Amino acid sequence: MQKFMGMLGVLMLSATLTFAQQGQNRTPEERAQRQTEQLTKQLSLSADQTTKVQAISLERAKKLDELRAGGERPDREKMQGLQTDFETKLKPILTADQWTQYEKVREEQRERMRNRGGNR
C-alpha cells in the first residue's frame, strides 16, 4: 500500500508540473485569448468590447514576454506597471457596472494569491 501511495504521489506531482509548464509555454496570443475569454464570461462583454480587450490583452502578453526574455523573473514593479497600463486601457472599454465587477474579480484573485502564498 505504501508503494502505491508513493507512486500516486509521484504521478500527481508529475501531472502538476506538466500542467504548470504547459501554462508557461503558451504563446502571447494563446494567453491573450484565454484572458479575453475569461473576462468576456465574467463581465458579459459585447462583441466590440471583446475585440478591444483581446487587443490590449495581446499587447500586455507580448510586453510580458519581452520582460521575461532575459531568462530572469521580471521584478514586481515592472509587472505592476504592465497591470496598471492594462487596467488604464481596460477601464474606458467597460461600462461602470462591468468595471465594478472587474474590480471585485481582481480583489478575489488577490485574496486567493495571498492565501496561497501564506500556505507555502
PDB file of N, CA and C in Angstrom:
ATOM      1  N   MET A   1       0.828  -1.189   0.000  1.00  0.00           N
ATOM      2  CA  MET A   1       0.000   0.000   0.000  1.00  0.00           C
ATOM      3  C   MET A   1       0.871   1.252   0.000  1.00  0.00           C
ATOM      4  N   GLN A   2       1.995   1.221   0.735  1.00  0.00           N
ATOM      5  CA  GLN A   2       2.877   2.385   0.770  1.00  0.00           C
ATOM      6  C   GLN A   2       3.468   2.657  -0.609  1.00  0.00           C
ATOM      7  N   LYS A   3       3.824   1.595  -1.330  1.00  0.00           N
ATOM      8  CA  LYS A   3       4.365   1.771  -2.676  1.00  0.00           C
ATOM      9  C   LYS A   3       3.326   2.430  -3.577  1.00  0.00           C
ATOM     10  N   PHE A   4       2.091   1.964  -3.447  1.00  0.00           N
ATOM     11  CA  PHE A   4       1.021   2.522  -4.262  1.00  0.00           C
ATOM     12  C   PHE A   4       0.848   4.007  -3.957  1.00  0.00           C
ATOM     13  N   MET A   5       0.820   4.373  -2.692  1.00  0.00           N
ATOM     14  CA  MET A   5       0.642   5.772  -2.301  1.00  0.00           C
ATOM     15  C   MET A   5       1.829   6.612  -2.775  1.00  0.00           C
ATOM     16  N   GLY A   6       3.025   6.057  -2.674  1.00  0.00           N
ATOM     17  CA  GLY A   6       4.215   6.764  -3.152  1.00  0.00           C
ATOM     18  C   GLY A   6       4.162   7.004  -4.650  1.00  0.00           C
ATOM     19  N   MET A   7       3.741   5.974  -5.403  1.00  0.00           N
ATOM     20  CA  MET A   7       3.622   6.109  -6.855  1.00  0.00           C
ATOM     21  C   MET A   7       2.531   7.109  -7.215  1.00  0.00           C
ATOM     22  N   LEU A   8       1.452   7.085  -6.462  1.00  0.00           N
ATOM     23  CA  LEU A   8       0.361   8.023  -6.695  1.00  0.00           C
ATOM     24  C   LEU A   8       0.840   9.461  -6.467  1.00  0.00           C
ATOM     25  N   GLY A   9       1.614   9.656  -5.428  1.00  0.00           N
ATOM     26  CA  GLY A   9       2.166  10.980  -5.133  1.00  0.00           C
ATOM     27  C   GLY A   9       3.083  11.464  -6.246  1.00  0.00           C
ATOM     28  N   VAL A  10       3.946  10.587  -6.729  1.00  0.00           N
ATOM     29  CA  VAL A  10       4.854  10.944  -7.823  1.00  0.00           C
ATOM     30  C   VAL A  10       4.057  11.278  -9.079  1.00  0.00           C
ATOM     31  N   LEU A  11       3.038  10.494  -9.358  1.00  0.00           N
ATOM     32  CA  LEU A  11       2.206  10.734 -10.526  1.00  0.00           C
ATOM     33  C   LEU A  11       1.504  12.085 -10.429  1.00  0.00           C
ATOM     34  N   MET A  12       0.971  12.396  -9.266  1.00  0.00           N
ATOM     35  CA  MET A  12       0.272  13.674  -9.075  1.00  0.00           C
ATOM     36  C   MET A  12       1.238  14.839  -9.221  1.00  0.00           C
ATOM     37  N   LEU A  13       2.439  14.712  -8.654  1.00  0.00           N
ATOM     38  CA  LEU A  13       3.441  15.767  -8.774  1.00  0.00           C
ATOM     39  C   LEU A  13       3.831  15.968 -10.226  1.00  0.00           C
ATOM     40  N   SER A  14       4.014  14.888 -10.943  1.00  0.00           N
ATOM     41  CA  SER A  14       4.372  14.956 -12.350  1.00  0.00           C
ATOM     42  C   SER A  14       3.287  15.648 -13.156  1.00  0.00           C
ATOM     43  N   ALA A  15       2.049  15.286 -12.903  1.00  0.00           N
ATOM     44  CA  ALA A  15       0.932  15.908 -13.617  1.00  0.00           C
ATOM     45  C   ALA A  15       0.859  17.398 -13.310  1.00  0.00           C
ATOM     46  N   THR A  16       1.082  17.765 -12.058  1.00  0.00           N
ATOM     47  CA  THR A  16       1.049  19.174 -11.664  1.00  0.00           C
ATOM     48  C   THR A  16       2.147  19.956 -12.363  1.00  0.00           C
ATOM     49  N   LEU A  17       3.350  19.418 -12.400  1.00  0.00           N
ATOM     50  CA  LEU A  17       4.468  20.103 -13.053  1.00  0.00           C
ATOM     51  C   LEU A  17       4.240  20.222 -14.556  1.00  0.00           C
ATOM     52  N   THR A  18       3.704  19.189 -15.156  1.00  0.00           N
ATOM     53  CA  THR A  18       3.418  19.221 -16.586  1.00  0.00           C
ATOM     54  C   THR A  18       2.388  20.289 -16.887  1.00  0.00           C
ATOM     55  N   PHE A  19       1.331  20.351 -16.087  1.00  0.00           N
ATOM     56  CA  PHE A  19       0.286  21.348 -16.274  1.00  0.00           C
ATOM     57  C   PHE A  19       0.863  22.753 -16.129  1.00  0.00           C
ATOM     58  N   ALA A  20       1.698  22.969 -15.137  1.00  0.00           N
ATOM     59  CA  ALA A  20       2.301  24.287 -14.912  1.00  0.00           C
ATOM     60  C   ALA A  20       3.186  24.677 -16.081  1.00  0.00           C
ATOM     61  N   GLN A  21       3.947  23.733 -16.618  1.00  0.00           N
ATOM     62  CA  GLN A  21       4.821  24.033 -17.751  1.00  0.00           C
ATOM     63  C   GLN A  21       4.020  24.363 -18.996  1.00  0.00           C
ATOM     64  N   GLN A  22       2.899  23.694 -19.193  1.00  0.00           N
ATOM     65  CA  GLN A  22       2.065  23.989 -20.345  1.00  0.00           C
ATOM     66  C   GLN A  22       1.588  25.424 -20.301  1.00  0.00           C
ATOM     67  N   GLY A  23       1.232  25.909 -19.126  1.00  0.00           N
ATOM     68  CA  GLY A  23       0.799  27.293 -18.985  1.00  0.00           C
ATOM     69  C   GLY A  23       1.902  28.267 -19.312  1.00  0.00           C
ATOM     70  N   GLN A  24       3.124  27.938 -18.952  1.00  0.00           N
ATOM     71  CA  GLN A  24       4.250  28.819 -19.216  1.00  0.00           C
ATOM     72  C   GLN A  24       4.633  28.799 -20.688  1.00  0.00           C
ATOM     73  N   ASN A  25       4.321  27.746 -21.390  1.00  0.00           N
ATOM     74  CA  ASN A  25       4.723  27.610 -22.785  1.00  0.00           C
ATOM     75  C   ASN A  25       3.687  28.163 -23.756  1.00  0.00           C
ATOM     76  N   ARG A  26       2.650  28.756 -23.261  1.00  0.00           N
ATOM     77  CA  ARG A  26       1.645  29.336 -24.142  1.00  0.00           C
ATOM     78  C   ARG A  26       2.223  30.557 -24.848  1.00  0.00           C
ATOM     79  N   THR A  27       1.774  30.760 -26.066  1.00  0.00           N
ATOM     80  CA  THR A  27       2.187  31.941 -26.819  1.00  0.00           C
ATOM     81  C   THR A  27       1.442  33.159 -26.267  1.00  0.00           C
ATOM     82  N   PRO A  28       1.938  34.360 -26.564  1.00  0.00           N
ATOM     83  CA  PRO A  28       1.202  35.555 -26.135  1.00  0.00           C
ATOM     84  C   PRO A  28      -0.236  35.552 -26.671  1.00  0.00           C
ATOM     85  N   GLU A  29      -0.406  35.074 -27.891  1.00  0.00           N
ATOM     86  CA  GLU A  29      -1.742  35.028 -28.485  1.00  0.00           C
ATOM     87  C   GLU A  29      -2.663  34.088 -27.703  1.00  0.00           C
ATOM     88  N   GLU A  30      -2.133  32.939 -27.302  1.00  0.00           N
ATOM     89  CA  GLU A  30      -2.934  31.979 -26.530  1.00  0.00           C
ATOM     90  C   GLU A  30      -3.292  32.545 -25.157  1.00  0.00           C
ATOM     91  N   ARG A  31      -2.313  33.188 -24.508  1.00  0.00           N
ATOM     92  CA  ARG A  31      -2.588  33.769 -23.188  1.00  0.00           C
ATOM     93  C   ARG A  31      -3.606  34.903 -23.286  1.00  0.00           C
ATOM     94  N   ALA A  32      -3.467  35.730 -24.321  1.00  0.00           N
ATOM     95  CA  ALA A  32      -4.416  36.834 -24.514  1.00  0.00           C
ATOM     96  C   ALA A  32      -5.818  36.291 -24.798  1.00  0.00           C
ATOM     97  N   GLN A  33      -5.887  35.245 -25.599  1.00  0.00           N
ATOM     98  CA  GLN A  33      -7.179  34.642 -25.915  1.00  0.00           C
ATOM     99  C   GLN A  33      -7.840  34.088 -24.656  1.00  0.00           C
ATOM    100  N   ARG A  34      -7.043  33.415 -23.836  1.00  0.00           N
ATOM    101  CA  ARG A  34      -7.581  32.831 -22.600  1.00  0.00           C
ATOM    102  C   ARG A  34      -8.090  33.927 -21.667  1.00  0.00           C
ATOM    103  N   GLN A  35      -7.307  34.989 -21.503  1.00  0.00           N
ATOM    104  CA  GLN A  35      -7.734  36.075 -20.630  1.00  0.00           C
ATOM    105  C   GLN A  35      -8.990  36.746 -21.175  1.00  0.00           C
ATOM    106  N   THR A  36      -9.031  36.952 -22.488  1.00  0.00           N
ATOM    107  CA  THR A  36     -10.197  37.582 -23.103  1.00  0.00           C
ATOM    108  C   THR A  36     -11.444  36.730 -22.885  1.00  0.00           C
ATOM    109  N   GLU A  37     -11.304  35.431 -23.043  1.00  0.00           N
ATOM    110  CA  GLU A  37     -12.443  34.531 -22.819  1.00  0.00           C
ATOM    111  C   GLU A  37     -12.927  34.618 -21.378  1.00  0.00           C
ATOM    112  N   GLN A  38     -11.982  34.656 -20.434  1.00  0.00           N
ATOM    113  CA  GLN A  38     -12.368  34.751 -19.026  1.00  0.00           C
ATOM    114  C   GLN A  38     -13.097  36.063 -18.747  1.00  0.00           C
ATOM    115  N   LEU A  39     -12.548  37.172 -19.236  1.00  0.00           N
ATOM    116  CA  LEU A  39     -13.185  38.462 -18.987  1.00  0.00           C
ATOM    117  C   LEU A  39     -14.534  38.570 -19.700  1.00  0.00           C
ATOM    118  N   THR A  40     -14.627  37.995 -20.894  1.00  0.00           N
ATOM    119  CA  THR A  40     -15.899  38.013 -21.622  1.00  0.00           C
ATOM    120  C   THR A  40     -16.973  37.288 -20.816  1.00  0.00           C
ATOM    121  N   LYS A  41     -16.589  36.166 -20.255  1.00  0.00           N
ATOM    122  CA  LYS A  41     -17.536  35.377 -19.455  1.00  0.00           C
ATOM    123  C   LYS A  41     -17.877  36.089 -18.139  1.00  0.00           C
ATOM    124  N   GLN A  42     -16.858  36.571 -17.435  1.00  0.00           N
ATOM    125  CA  GLN A  42     -17.066  37.192 -16.128  1.00  0.00           C
ATOM    126  C   GLN A  42     -17.838  38.503 -16.215  1.00  0.00           C
ATOM    127  N   LEU A  43     -17.605  39.268 -17.280  1.00  0.00           N
ATOM    128  CA  LEU A  43     -18.163  40.610 -17.366  1.00  0.00           C
ATOM    129  C   LEU A  43     -19.250  40.752 -18.423  1.00  0.00           C
ATOM    130  N   SER A  44     -19.582  39.678 -19.109  1.00  0.00           N
ATOM    131  CA  SER A  44     -20.589  39.707 -20.180  1.00  0.00           C
ATOM    132  C   SER A  44     -20.263  40.787 -21.210  1.00  0.00           C
ATOM    133  N   LEU A  45     -19.066  40.700 -21.769  1.00  0.00           N
ATOM    134  CA  LEU A  45     -18.624  41.697 -22.743  1.00  0.00           C
ATOM    135  C   LEU A  45     -19.379  41.556 -24.056  1.00  0.00           C
ATOM    136  N   SER A  46     -19.598  42.695 -24.719  1.00  0.00           N
ATOM    137  CA  SER A  46     -20.176  42.683 -26.058  1.00  0.00           C
ATOM    138  C   SER A  46     -19.097  42.245 -27.050  1.00  0.00           C
ATOM    139  N   ALA A  47     -19.488  42.012 -28.286  1.00  0.00           N
ATOM    140  CA  ALA A  47     -18.525  41.614 -29.312  1.00  0.00           C
ATOM    141  C   ALA A  47     -17.476  42.708 -29.519  1.00  0.00           C
ATOM    142  N   ASP A  48     -17.912  43.965 -29.542  1.00  0.00           N
ATOM    143  CA  ASP A  48     -16.981  45.087 -29.719  1.00  0.00           C
ATOM    144  C   ASP A  48     -16.010  45.164 -28.541  1.00  0.00           C
ATOM    145  N   GLN A  49     -16.527  45.014 -27.331  1.00  0.00           N
ATOM    146  CA  GLN A  49     -15.667  45.044 -26.149  1.00  0.00           C
ATOM    147  C   GLN A  49     -14.663  43.888 -26.180  1.00  0.00           C
ATOM    148  N   THR A  50     -15.129  42.721 -26.579  1.00  0.00           N
ATOM    149  CA  THR A  50     -14.256  41.550 -26.634  1.00  0.00           C
ATOM    150  C   THR A  50     -13.090  41.785 -27.585  1.00  0.00           C
ATOM    151  N   THR A  51     -13.360  42.376 -28.731  1.00  0.00           N
ATOM    152  CA  THR A  51     -12.304  42.678 -29.698  1.00  0.00           C
ATOM    153  C   THR A  51     -11.278  43.635 -29.107  1.00  0.00           C
ATOM    154  N   LYS A  52     -11.746  44.654 -28.417  1.00  0.00           N
ATOM    155  CA  LYS A  52     -10.847  45.645 -27.816  1.00  0.00           C
ATOM    156  C   LYS A  52     -10.038  45.031 -26.670  1.00  0.00           C
ATOM    157  N   VAL A  53     -10.684  44.209 -25.855  1.00  0.00           N
ATOM    158  CA  VAL A  53      -9.989  43.549 -24.743  1.00  0.00           C
ATOM    159  C   VAL A  53      -8.942  42.587 -25.289  1.00  0.00           C
ATOM    160  N   GLN A  54      -9.257  41.893 -26.366  1.00  0.00           N
ATOM    161  CA  GLN A  54      -8.297  40.979 -26.998  1.00  0.00           C
ATOM    162  C   GLN A  54      -7.039  41.752 -27.396  1.00  0.00           C
ATOM    163  N   ALA A  55      -7.212  42.920 -27.966  1.00  0.00           N
ATOM    164  CA  ALA A  55      -6.063  43.716 -28.432  1.00  0.00           C
ATOM    165  C   ALA A  55      -5.176  44.152 -27.262  1.00  0.00           C
ATOM    166  N   ILE A  56      -5.779  44.649 -26.192  1.00  0.00           N
ATOM    167  CA  ILE A  56      -4.942  45.111 -25.070  1.00  0.00           C
ATOM    168  C   ILE A  56      -4.362  43.934 -24.286  1.00  0.00           C
ATOM    169  N   SER A  57      -5.057  42.817 -24.281  1.00  0.00           N
ATOM    170  CA  SER A  57      -4.524  41.614 -23.620  1.00  0.00           C
ATOM    171  C   SER A  57      -3.309  41.088 -24.383  1.00  0.00           C
ATOM    172  N   LEU A  58      -3.391  41.112 -25.705  1.00  0.00           N
ATOM    173  CA  LEU A  58      -2.274  40.655 -26.524  1.00  0.00           C
ATOM    174  C   LEU A  58      -1.072  41.586 -26.354  1.00  0.00           C
ATOM    175  N   GLU A  59      -1.326  42.874 -26.312  1.00  0.00           N
ATOM    176  CA  GLU A  59      -0.249  43.845 -26.101  1.00  0.00           C
ATOM    177  C   GLU A  59       0.474  43.561 -24.780  1.00  0.00           C
ATOM    178  N   ARG A  60      -0.301  43.329 -23.726  1.00  0.00           N
ATOM    179  CA  ARG A  60       0.291  43.047 -22.417  1.00  0.00           C
ATOM    180  C   ARG A  60       1.061  41.727 -22.429  1.00  0.00           C
ATOM    181  N   ALA A  61       0.511  40.703 -23.066  1.00  0.00           N
ATOM    182  CA  ALA A  61       1.184  39.397 -23.110  1.00  0.00           C
ATOM    183  C   ALA A  61       2.521  39.496 -23.846  1.00  0.00           C
ATOM    184  N   LYS A  62       2.557  40.281 -24.904  1.00  0.00           N
ATOM    185  CA  LYS A  62       3.811  40.451 -25.653  1.00  0.00           C
ATOM    186  C   LYS A  62       4.836  41.220 -24.818  1.00  0.00           C
ATOM    187  N   LYS A  63       4.381  42.246 -24.118  1.00  0.00           N
ATOM    188  CA  LYS A  63       5.293  43.013 -23.262  1.00  0.00           C
ATOM    189  C   LYS A  63       5.830  42.132 -22.136  1.00  0.00           C
ATOM    190  N   LEU A  64       4.996  41.262 -21.607  1.00  0.00           N
ATOM    191  CA  LEU A  64       5.433  40.353 -20.553  1.00  0.00           C
ATOM    192  C   LEU A  64       6.512  39.408 -21.086  1.00  0.00           C
ATOM    193  N   ASP A  65       6.334  38.915 -22.293  1.00  0.00           N
ATOM    194  CA  ASP A  65       7.356  38.060 -22.897  1.00  0.00           C
ATOM    195  C   ASP A  65       8.672  38.814 -23.067  1.00  0.00           C
ATOM    196  N   GLU A  66       8.594  40.091 -23.423  1.00  0.00           N
ATOM    197  CA  GLU A  66       9.803  40.908 -23.552  1.00  0.00           C
ATOM    198  C   GLU A  66      10.519  41.017 -22.206  1.00  0.00           C
ATOM    199  N   LEU A  67       9.741  41.210 -21.138  1.00  0.00           N
ATOM    200  CA  LEU A  67      10.341  41.305 -19.805  1.00  0.00           C
ATOM    201  C   LEU A  67      10.998  39.992 -19.393  1.00  0.00           C
ATOM    202  N   ARG A  68      10.396  38.895 -19.802  1.00  0.00           N
ATOM    203  CA  ARG A  68      10.907  37.575 -19.438  1.00  0.00           C
ATOM    204  C   ARG A  68      12.033  37.101 -20.354  1.00  0.00           C
ATOM    205  N   ALA A  69      12.301  37.815 -21.424  1.00  0.00           N
ATOM    206  CA  ALA A  69      13.279  37.376 -22.426  1.00  0.00           C
ATOM    207  C   ALA A  69      14.670  37.174 -21.834  1.00  0.00           C
ATOM    208  N   GLY A  70      15.015  37.898 -20.795  1.00  0.00           N
ATOM    209  CA  GLY A  70      16.331  37.766 -20.199  1.00  0.00           C
ATOM    210  C   GLY A  70      16.515  36.484 -19.417  1.00  0.00           C
ATOM    211  N   GLY A  71      15.466  35.708 -19.267  1.00  0.00           N
ATOM    212  CA  GLY A  71      15.552  34.450 -18.547  1.00  0.00           C
ATOM    213  C   GLY A  71      15.310  34.590 -17.056  1.00  0.00           C
ATOM    214  N   GLU A  72      15.292  35.814 -16.569  1.00  0.00           N
ATOM    215  CA  GLU A  72      15.028  36.036 -15.149  1.00  0.00           C
ATOM    216  C   GLU A  72      13.579  36.471 -14.966  1.00  0.00           C
ATOM    217  N   ARG A  73      13.103  36.270 -13.784  1.00  0.00           N
ATOM    218  CA  ARG A  73      11.748  36.691 -13.459  1.00  0.00           C
ATOM    219  C   ARG A  73      11.706  38.221 -13.377  1.00  0.00           C
ATOM    220  N   PRO A  74      10.747  38.849 -14.080  1.00  0.00           N
ATOM    221  CA  PRO A  74      10.658  40.309 -14.033  1.00  0.00           C
ATOM    222  C   PRO A  74      10.377  40.791 -12.612  1.00  0.00           C
ATOM    223  N   ASP A  75      10.884  41.964 -12.290  1.00  0.00           N
ATOM    224  CA  ASP A  75      10.649  42.457 -10.938  1.00  0.00           C
ATOM    225  C   ASP A  75       9.201  42.908 -10.763  1.00  0.00           C
ATOM    226  N   ARG A  76       8.796  42.961  -9.541  1.00  0.00           N
ATOM    227  CA  ARG A  76       7.418  43.250  -9.179  1.00  0.00           C
ATOM    228  C   ARG A  76       6.960  44.605  -9.710  1.00  0.00           C
ATOM    229  N   GLU A  77       7.851  45.582  -9.686  1.00  0.00           N
ATOM    230  CA  GLU A  77       7.497  46.928 -10.134  1.00  0.00           C
ATOM    231  C   GLU A  77       7.137  46.942 -11.624  1.00  0.00           C
ATOM    232  N   LYS A  78       7.908  46.241 -12.431  1.00  0.00           N
ATOM    233  CA  LYS A  78       7.626  46.180 -13.865  1.00  0.00           C
ATOM    234  C   LYS A  78       6.327  45.427 -14.141  1.00  0.00           C
ATOM    235  N   MET A  79       6.116  44.360 -13.391  1.00  0.00           N
ATOM    236  CA  MET A  79       4.875  43.592 -13.540  1.00  0.00           C
ATOM    237  C   MET A  79       3.670  44.453 -13.174  1.00  0.00           C
ATOM    238  N   GLN A  80       3.797  45.210 -12.087  1.00  0.00           N
ATOM    239  CA  GLN A  80       2.716  46.092 -11.662  1.00  0.00           C
ATOM    240  C   GLN A  80       2.466  47.171 -12.710  1.00  0.00           C
ATOM    241  N   GLY A  81       3.533  47.641 -13.331  1.00  0.00           N
ATOM    242  CA  GLY A  81       3.388  48.633 -14.396  1.00  0.00           C
ATOM    243  C   GLY A  81       2.581  48.102 -15.569  1.00  0.00           C
ATOM    244  N   LEU A  82       2.834  46.853 -15.941  1.00  0.00           N
ATOM    245  CA  LEU A  82       2.052  46.229 -17.014  1.00  0.00           C
ATOM    246  C   LEU A  82       0.580  46.125 -16.633  1.00  0.00           C
ATOM    247  N   GLN A  83       0.320  45.753 -15.380  1.00  0.00           N
ATOM    248  CA  GLN A  83      -1.063  45.615 -14.916  1.00  0.00           C
ATOM    249  C   GLN A  83      -1.761  46.974 -14.900  1.00  0.00           C
ATOM    250  N   THR A  84      -1.069  47.983 -14.417  1.00  0.00           N
ATOM    251  CA  THR A  84      -1.646  49.332 -14.359  1.00  0.00           C
ATOM    252  C   THR A  84      -1.962  49.834 -15.766  1.00  0.00           C
ATOM    253  N   ASP A  85      -1.029  49.627 -16.697  1.00  0.00           N
ATOM    254  CA  ASP A  85      -1.240  50.035 -18.085  1.00  0.00           C
ATOM    255  C   ASP A  85      -2.445  49.311 -18.683  1.00  0.00           C
ATOM    256  N   PHE A  86      -2.544  48.006 -18.423  1.00  0.00           N
ATOM    257  CA  PHE A  86      -3.678  47.223 -18.919  1.00  0.00           C
ATOM    258  C   PHE A  86      -4.988  47.772 -18.375  1.00  0.00           C
ATOM    259  N   GLU A  87      -5.042  48.014 -17.088  1.00  0.00           N
ATOM    260  CA  GLU A  87      -6.282  48.485 -16.474  1.00  0.00           C
ATOM    261  C   GLU A  87      -6.640  49.906 -16.916  1.00  0.00           C
ATOM    262  N   THR A  88      -5.635  50.739 -17.163  1.00  0.00           N
ATOM    263  CA  THR A  88      -5.885  52.092 -17.668  1.00  0.00           C
ATOM    264  C   THR A  88      -6.554  52.024 -19.034  1.00  0.00           C
ATOM    265  N   LYS A  89      -6.150  51.066 -19.859  1.00  0.00           N
ATOM    266  CA  LYS A  89      -6.741  50.898 -21.183  1.00  0.00           C
ATOM    267  C   LYS A  89      -8.067  50.146 -21.123  1.00  0.00           C
ATOM    268  N   LEU A  90      -8.225  49.294 -20.129  1.00  0.00           N
ATOM    269  CA  LEU A  90      -9.451  48.499 -19.999  1.00  0.00           C
ATOM    270  C   LEU A  90     -10.637  49.329 -19.507  1.00  0.00           C
ATOM    271  N   LYS A  91     -10.400  50.202 -18.567  1.00  0.00           N
ATOM    272  CA  LYS A  91     -11.500  50.932 -17.915  1.00  0.00           C
ATOM    273  C   LYS A  91     -12.415  51.666 -18.897  1.00  0.00           C
ATOM    274  N   PRO A  92     -11.884  52.382 -19.892  1.00  0.00           N
ATOM    275  CA  PRO A  92     -12.796  53.074 -20.814  1.00  0.00           C
ATOM    276  C   PRO A  92     -13.595  52.132 -21.719  1.00  0.00           C
ATOM    277  N   ILE A  93     -13.150  50.907 -21.849  1.00  0.00           N
ATOM    278  CA  ILE A  93     -13.860  49.927 -22.680  1.00  0.00           C
ATOM    279  C   ILE A  93     -15.097  49.404 -21.957  1.00  0.00           C
ATOM    280  N   LEU A  94     -15.010  49.315 -20.635  1.00  0.00           N
ATOM    281  CA  LEU A  94     -16.080  48.719 -19.835  1.00  0.00           C
ATOM    282  C   LEU A  94     -17.114  49.754 -19.408  1.00  0.00           C
ATOM    283  N   THR A  95     -18.315  49.246 -19.128  1.00  0.00           N
ATOM    284  CA  THR A  95     -19.329  50.098 -18.507  1.00  0.00           C
ATOM    285  C   THR A  95     -18.972  50.246 -17.030  1.00  0.00           C
ATOM    286  N   ALA A  96     -19.643  51.160 -16.345  1.00  0.00           N
ATOM    287  CA  ALA A  96     -19.384  51.353 -14.914  1.00  0.00           C
ATOM    288  C   ALA A  96     -19.658  50.065 -14.135  1.00  0.00           C
ATOM    289  N   ASP A  97     -20.744  49.386 -14.468  1.00  0.00           N
ATOM    290  CA  ASP A  97     -21.071  48.133 -13.777  1.00  0.00           C
ATOM    291  C   ASP A  97     -20.034  47.046 -14.059  1.00  0.00           C
ATOM    292  N   GLN A  98     -19.584  46.964 -15.301  1.00  0.00           N
ATOM    293  CA  GLN A  98     -18.569  45.972 -15.642  1.00  0.00           C
ATOM    294  C   GLN A  98     -17.254  46.278 -14.924  1.00  0.00           C
ATOM    295  N   TRP A  99     -16.895  47.559 -14.814  1.00  0.00           N
ATOM    296  CA  TRP A  99     -15.664  47.930 -14.111  1.00  0.00           C
ATOM    297  C   TRP A  99     -15.755  47.541 -12.639  1.00  0.00           C
ATOM    298  N   THR A 100     -16.904  47.787 -12.038  1.00  0.00           N
ATOM    299  CA  THR A 100     -17.112  47.402 -10.640  1.00  0.00           C
ATOM    300  C   THR A 100     -16.957  45.895 -10.487  1.00  0.00           C
ATOM    301  N   GLN A 101     -17.530  45.140 -11.400  1.00  0.00           N
ATOM    302  CA  GLN A 101     -17.406  43.678 -11.366  1.00  0.00           C
ATOM    303  C   GLN A 101     -15.964  43.260 -11.578  1.00  0.00           C
ATOM    304  N   TYR A 102     -15.253  43.927 -12.482  1.00  0.00           N
ATOM    305  CA  TYR A 102     -13.847  43.622 -12.726  1.00  0.00           C
ATOM    306  C   TYR A 102     -13.031  43.836 -11.452  1.00  0.00           C
ATOM    307  N   GLU A 103     -13.257  44.948 -10.776  1.00  0.00           N
ATOM    308  CA  GLU A 103     -12.528  45.221  -9.535  1.00  0.00           C
ATOM    309  C   GLU A 103     -12.812  44.147  -8.485  1.00  0.00           C
ATOM    310  N   LYS A 104     -14.048  43.703  -8.433  1.00  0.00           N
ATOM    311  CA  LYS A 104     -14.414  42.643  -7.487  1.00  0.00           C
ATOM    312  C   LYS A 104     -13.671  41.343  -7.817  1.00  0.00           C
ATOM    313  N   VAL A 105     -13.635  40.982  -9.079  1.00  0.00           N
ATOM    314  CA  VAL A 105     -12.935  39.768  -9.515  1.00  0.00           C
ATOM    315  C   VAL A 105     -11.448  39.888  -9.203  1.00  0.00           C
ATOM    316  N   ARG A 106     -10.847  41.041  -9.478  1.00  0.00           N
ATOM    317  CA  ARG A 106      -9.416  41.251  -9.198  1.00  0.00           C
ATOM    318  C   ARG A 106      -9.125  41.116  -7.710  1.00  0.00           C
ATOM    319  N   GLU A 107      -9.988  41.657  -6.874  1.00  0.00           N
ATOM    320  CA  GLU A 107      -9.777  41.548  -5.430  1.00  0.00           C
ATOM    321  C   GLU A 107      -9.873  40.091  -4.975  1.00  0.00           C
ATOM    322  N   GLU A 108     -10.809  39.345  -5.543  1.00  0.00           N
ATOM    323  CA  GLU A 108     -10.912  37.921  -5.214  1.00  0.00           C
ATOM    324  C   GLU A 108      -9.648  37.182  -5.632  1.00  0.00           C
ATOM    325  N   GLN A 109      -9.095  37.539  -6.800  1.00  0.00           N
ATOM    326  CA  GLN A 109      -7.852  36.913  -7.254  1.00  0.00           C
ATOM    327  C   GLN A 109      -6.704  37.252  -6.307  1.00  0.00           C
ATOM    328  N   ARG A 110      -6.632  38.510  -5.898  1.00  0.00           N
ATOM    329  CA  ARG A 110      -5.570  38.920  -4.969  1.00  0.00           C
ATOM    330  C   ARG A 110      -5.685  38.162  -3.651  1.00  0.00           C
ATOM    331  N   GLU A 111      -6.898  37.997  -3.184  1.00  0.00           N
ATOM    332  CA  GLU A 111      -7.134  37.281  -1.931  1.00  0.00           C
ATOM    333  C   GLU A 111      -6.695  35.821  -2.056  1.00  0.00           C
ATOM    334  N   ARG A 112      -7.024  35.197  -3.183  1.00  0.00           N
ATOM    335  CA  ARG A 112      -6.602  33.806  -3.410  1.00  0.00           C
ATOM    336  C   ARG A 112      -5.078  33.704  -3.446  1.00  0.00           C
ATOM    337  N   MET A 113      -4.436  34.680  -4.063  1.00  0.00           N
ATOM    338  CA  MET A 113      -2.966  34.679  -4.137  1.00  0.00           C
ATOM    339  C   MET A 113      -2.360  34.873  -2.742  1.00  0.00           C
ATOM    340  N   ARG A 114      -2.954  35.753  -1.955  1.00  0.00           N
ATOM    341  CA  ARG A 114      -2.456  35.953  -0.591  1.00  0.00           C
ATOM    342  C   ARG A 114      -2.606  34.689   0.222  1.00  0.00           C
ATOM    343  N   ASN A 115      -3.741  34.034   0.094  1.00  0.00           N
ATOM    344  CA  ASN A 115      -3.983  32.787   0.837  1.00  0.00           C
ATOM    345  C   ASN A 115      -3.043  31.689   0.372  1.00  0.00           C
ATOM    346  N   ARG A 116      -2.802  31.609  -0.910  1.00  0.00           N
ATOM    347  CA  ARG A 116      -1.910  30.588  -1.451  1.00  0.00           C
ATOM    348  C   ARG A 116      -0.482  30.872  -0.989  1.00  0.00           C
ATOM    349  N   GLY A 117      -0.077  32.125  -0.994  1.00  0.00           N
ATOM    350  CA  GLY A 117       1.258  32.498  -0.562  1.00  0.00           C
ATOM    351  C   GLY A 117       1.475  32.227   0.908  1.00  0.00           C
ATOM    352  N   GLY A 118       0.436  32.354   1.720  1.00  0.00           N
ATOM    353  CA  GLY A 118       0.545  32.110   3.150  1.00  0.00           C
ATOM    354  C   GLY A 118       0.668  30.656   3.512  1.00  0.00           C
ATOM    355  N   ASN A 119       0.299  29.779   2.594  1.00  0.00           N
ATOM    356  CA  ASN A 119       0.339  28.341   2.847  1.00  0.00           C
ATOM    357  C   ASN A 119       1.667  27.723   2.462  1.00  0.00           C
ATOM    358  N   ARG A 120       2.564  28.493   1.916  1.00  0.00           N
ATOM    359  CA  ARG A 120       3.847  27.924   1.488  1.00  0.00           C
ATOM    360  C   ARG A 120       4.789  27.768   2.626  1.00  0.00           C
TER     361      ARG A 120
END
